[in-house]
Amino acid sequence: MSYGLELPIIRRFWRQHFKKRPEIQPHHVIPNLQTVLKAIRHHMGISLLPRYLIQEAIREKKVKIELEHLAVKNQIFLAYKLKHHDHPTIQKTIRSLKKKMLRHNDMNPF
């Protein structure tokens, strides 16, 4: 199951771990990751999904992670115009993200 015909998440996973494009076609394309997760929770297939999306389902034991050692890291960048550096909302966002990163790094040894 995929959320796009181009297999964006699956293609990235395959390239990182197998050094080539996947030679698969999804049986179902559902253009919404939440709906893909819902289908998986109802035993309607498998997929590659971001961890943040499945955390609650894992805690509830509604989904199971297979091949966890083959996880793919994602880099996300916060960008803004330099002239807005001192804007209160930007500063608040940066402080909040730094706090979350510190907490996350304390919980996760990787």
C-alpha atoms as a PDB file:
ATOM      1  CA  MET A   1       0.000   0.000   0.000  1.00  0.00           C
ATOM      2  CA  SER A   2       1.369   3.431  -0.887  1.00  0.00           C
ATOM      3  CA  TYR A   3       0.177   7.015  -0.766  1.00  0.00           C
ATOM      4  CA  GLY A   4       1.524   7.786  -4.240  1.00  0.00           C
ATOM      5  CA  LEU A   5       2.123   5.961  -7.507  1.00  0.00           C
ATOM      6  CA  GLU A   6       5.727   7.231  -7.470  1.00  0.00           C
ATOM      7  CA  LEU A   7       6.286   5.362  -4.157  1.00  0.00           C
ATOM      8  CA  PRO A   8       8.125   8.282  -2.479  1.00  0.00           C
ATOM      9  CA  ILE A   9       8.643   6.703   0.965  1.00  0.00           C
ATOM     10  CA  ILE A  10       9.187   3.202  -0.388  1.00  0.00           C
ATOM     11  CA  ARG A  11      11.597   4.419  -3.085  1.00  0.00           C
ATOM     12  CA  ARG A  12      13.717   6.321  -0.539  1.00  0.00           C
ATOM     13  CA  PHE A  13      13.830   3.295   1.793  1.00  0.00           C
ATOM     14  CA  TRP A  14      14.789   0.972  -1.070  1.00  0.00           C
ATOM     15  CA  ARG A  15      17.509   3.264  -2.375  1.00  0.00           C
ATOM     16  CA  GLN A  16      19.094   3.725   1.037  1.00  0.00           C
ATOM     17  CA  HIS A  17      19.130   0.043   1.959  1.00  0.00           C
ATOM     18  CA  PHE A  18      19.285  -1.792  -1.369  1.00  0.00           C
ATOM     19  CA  LYS A  19      20.990   0.863  -3.570  1.00  0.00           C
ATOM     20  CA  LYS A  20      18.351   0.585  -6.301  1.00  0.00           C
ATOM     21  CA  ARG A  21      14.773   1.496  -7.119  1.00  0.00           C
ATOM     22  CA  PRO A  22      12.074  -0.881  -5.928  1.00  0.00           C
ATOM     23  CA  GLU A  23      10.665  -3.171  -8.592  1.00  0.00           C
ATOM     24  CA  ILE A  24       7.217  -3.287  -7.059  1.00  0.00           C
ATOM     25  CA  GLN A  25       3.822  -1.862  -7.835  1.00  0.00           C
ATOM     26  CA  PRO A  26       1.453  -1.008  -5.008  1.00  0.00           C
ATOM     27  CA  HIS A  27      -1.811  -2.933  -4.921  1.00  0.00           C
ATOM     28  CA  HIS A  28      -3.543   0.112  -3.458  1.00  0.00           C
ATOM     29  CA  VAL A  29      -2.735   3.826  -3.659  1.00  0.00           C
ATOM     30  CA  ILE A  30      -4.299   5.863  -0.872  1.00  0.00           C
ATOM     31  CA  PRO A  31      -3.289   9.546  -1.095  1.00  0.00           C
ATOM     32  CA  ASN A  32      -3.341  10.124   2.675  1.00  0.00           C
ATOM     33  CA  LEU A  33      -0.918   8.625   5.215  1.00  0.00           C
ATOM     34  CA  GLN A  34      -3.511   8.639   8.000  1.00  0.00           C
ATOM     35  CA  THR A  35      -5.814   6.557   5.805  1.00  0.00           C
ATOM     36  CA  VAL A  36      -2.965   4.169   4.935  1.00  0.00           C
ATOM     37  CA  LEU A  37      -2.404   3.671   8.670  1.00  0.00           C
ATOM     38  CA  LYS A  38      -6.125   3.137   9.211  1.00  0.00           C
ATOM     39  CA  ALA A  39      -6.125   0.434   6.525  1.00  0.00           C
ATOM     40  CA  ILE A  40      -3.133  -1.272   8.155  1.00  0.00           C
ATOM     41  CA  ARG A  41      -4.832  -1.147  11.561  1.00  0.00           C
ATOM     42  CA  HIS A  42      -7.744  -2.988   9.943  1.00  0.00           C
ATOM     43  CA  HIS A  43      -5.476  -5.751   8.572  1.00  0.00           C
ATOM     44  CA  MET A  44      -5.701  -4.507   4.984  1.00  0.00           C
ATOM     45  CA  GLY A  45      -2.022  -4.575   4.016  1.00  0.00           C
ATOM     46  CA  ILE A  46       1.470  -3.367   4.854  1.00  0.00           C
ATOM     47  CA  SER A  47       3.357  -0.166   4.130  1.00  0.00           C
ATOM     48  CA  LEU A  48       6.330   1.957   5.124  1.00  0.00           C
ATOM     49  CA  LEU A  49       5.218   4.847   7.333  1.00  0.00           C
ATOM     50  CA  PRO A  50       6.955   7.512   9.426  1.00  0.00           C
ATOM     51  CA  ARG A  51       7.426   6.560  13.070  1.00  0.00           C
ATOM     52  CA  TYR A  52       5.707   9.717  14.342  1.00  0.00           C
ATOM     53  CA  LEU A  53       2.548   8.616  12.552  1.00  0.00           C
ATOM     54  CA  ILE A  54       2.416   5.129  14.059  1.00  0.00           C
ATOM     55  CA  GLN A  55       3.568   5.819  17.653  1.00  0.00           C
ATOM     56  CA  GLU A  56       0.065   5.670  19.120  1.00  0.00           C
ATOM     57  CA  ALA A  57      -0.844   2.538  17.156  1.00  0.00           C
ATOM     58  CA  ILE A  58       2.355   0.879  18.421  1.00  0.00           C
ATOM     59  CA  ARG A  59       1.504   1.758  22.044  1.00  0.00           C
ATOM     60  CA  GLU A  60      -1.992   0.344  21.520  1.00  0.00           C
ATOM     61  CA  LYS A  61      -0.466  -2.784  19.949  1.00  0.00           C
ATOM     62  CA  LYS A  62      -2.511  -2.194  16.781  1.00  0.00           C
ATOM     63  CA  VAL A  63       0.516  -2.312  14.468  1.00  0.00           C
ATOM     64  CA  LYS A  64       3.901  -3.965  14.586  1.00  0.00           C
ATOM     65  CA  ILE A  65       7.196  -2.667  13.250  1.00  0.00           C
ATOM     66  CA  GLU A  66       9.163  -5.177  11.229  1.00  0.00           C
ATOM     67  CA  LEU A  67      12.803  -4.692  10.244  1.00  0.00           C
ATOM     68  CA  GLU A  68      13.263  -1.772  12.640  1.00  0.00           C
ATOM     69  CA  HIS A  69      17.018  -1.908  12.074  1.00  0.00           C
ATOM     70  CA  LEU A  70      16.358  -0.734   8.494  1.00  0.00           C
ATOM     71  CA  ALA A  71      14.903   2.627   9.547  1.00  0.00           C
ATOM     72  CA  VAL A  72      15.525   5.680   7.374  1.00  0.00           C
ATOM     73  CA  LYS A  73      16.439   9.001   8.995  1.00  0.00           C
ATOM     74  CA  ASN A  74      14.684  12.116   7.809  1.00  0.00           C
ATOM     75  CA  GLN A  75      16.250  15.567   7.768  1.00  0.00           C
ATOM     76  CA  ILE A  76      13.869  18.449   8.227  1.00  0.00           C
ATOM     77  CA  PHE A  77      14.993  22.064   8.087  1.00  0.00           C
ATOM     78  CA  LEU A  78      13.430  25.135   9.660  1.00  0.00           C
ATOM     79  CA  ALA A  79      13.812  28.045   7.255  1.00  0.00           C
ATOM     80  CA  TYR A  80      12.779  31.681   7.512  1.00  0.00           C
ATOM     81  CA  LYS A  81      13.785  35.033   6.040  1.00  0.00           C
ATOM     82  CA  LEU A  82      16.780  36.438   7.908  1.00  0.00           C
ATOM     83  CA  LYS A  83      15.072  39.793   8.364  1.00  0.00           C
ATOM     84  CA  HIS A  84      12.414  38.004  10.495  1.00  0.00           C
ATOM     85  CA  HIS A  85      14.925  36.316  12.824  1.00  0.00           C
ATOM     86  CA  ASP A  86      13.781  38.349  15.841  1.00  0.00           C
ATOM     87  CA  HIS A  87      10.065  37.796  15.261  1.00  0.00           C
ATOM     88  CA  PRO A  88       8.504  36.426  18.492  1.00  0.00           C
ATOM     89  CA  THR A  89       6.770  33.514  16.760  1.00  0.00           C
ATOM     90  CA  ILE A  90       9.996  32.392  15.084  1.00  0.00           C
ATOM     91  CA  GLN A  91      11.934  32.668  18.340  1.00  0.00           C
ATOM     92  CA  LYS A  92       9.239  30.752  20.229  1.00  0.00           C
ATOM     93  CA  THR A  93       9.239  28.017  17.579  1.00  0.00           C
ATOM     94  CA  ILE A  94      13.037  27.688  17.706  1.00  0.00           C
ATOM     95  CA  ARG A  95      13.031  27.459  21.542  1.00  0.00           C
ATOM     96  CA  SER A  96      10.250  24.878  21.475  1.00  0.00           C
ATOM     97  CA  LEU A  97      12.000  22.730  18.871  1.00  0.00           C
ATOM     98  CA  LYS A  98      15.292  22.882  20.782  1.00  0.00           C
ATOM     99  CA  LYS A  99      13.550  21.717  23.971  1.00  0.00           C
ATOM    100  CA  LYS A 100      11.881  18.843  22.123  1.00  0.00           C
ATOM    101  CA  MET A 101      15.183  17.838  20.527  1.00  0.00           C
ATOM    102  CA  LEU A 102      16.905  17.795  23.909  1.00  0.00           C
ATOM    103  CA  ARG A 103      14.140  15.643  25.387  1.00  0.00           C
ATOM    104  CA  HIS A 104      14.182  13.347  22.369  1.00  0.00           C
ATOM    105  CA  ASN A 105      17.965  12.939  22.534  1.00  0.00           C
ATOM    106  CA  ASP A 106      17.749  12.075  26.241  1.00  0.00           C
ATOM    107  CA  MET A 107      15.201   9.330  25.484  1.00  0.00           C
ATOM    108  CA  ASN A 108      16.799   7.979  22.313  1.00  0.00           C
ATOM    109  CA  PRO A 109      20.465   6.882  22.474  1.00  0.00           C
ATOM    110  CA  PHE A 110      20.818   7.028  18.656  1.00  0.00           C
END
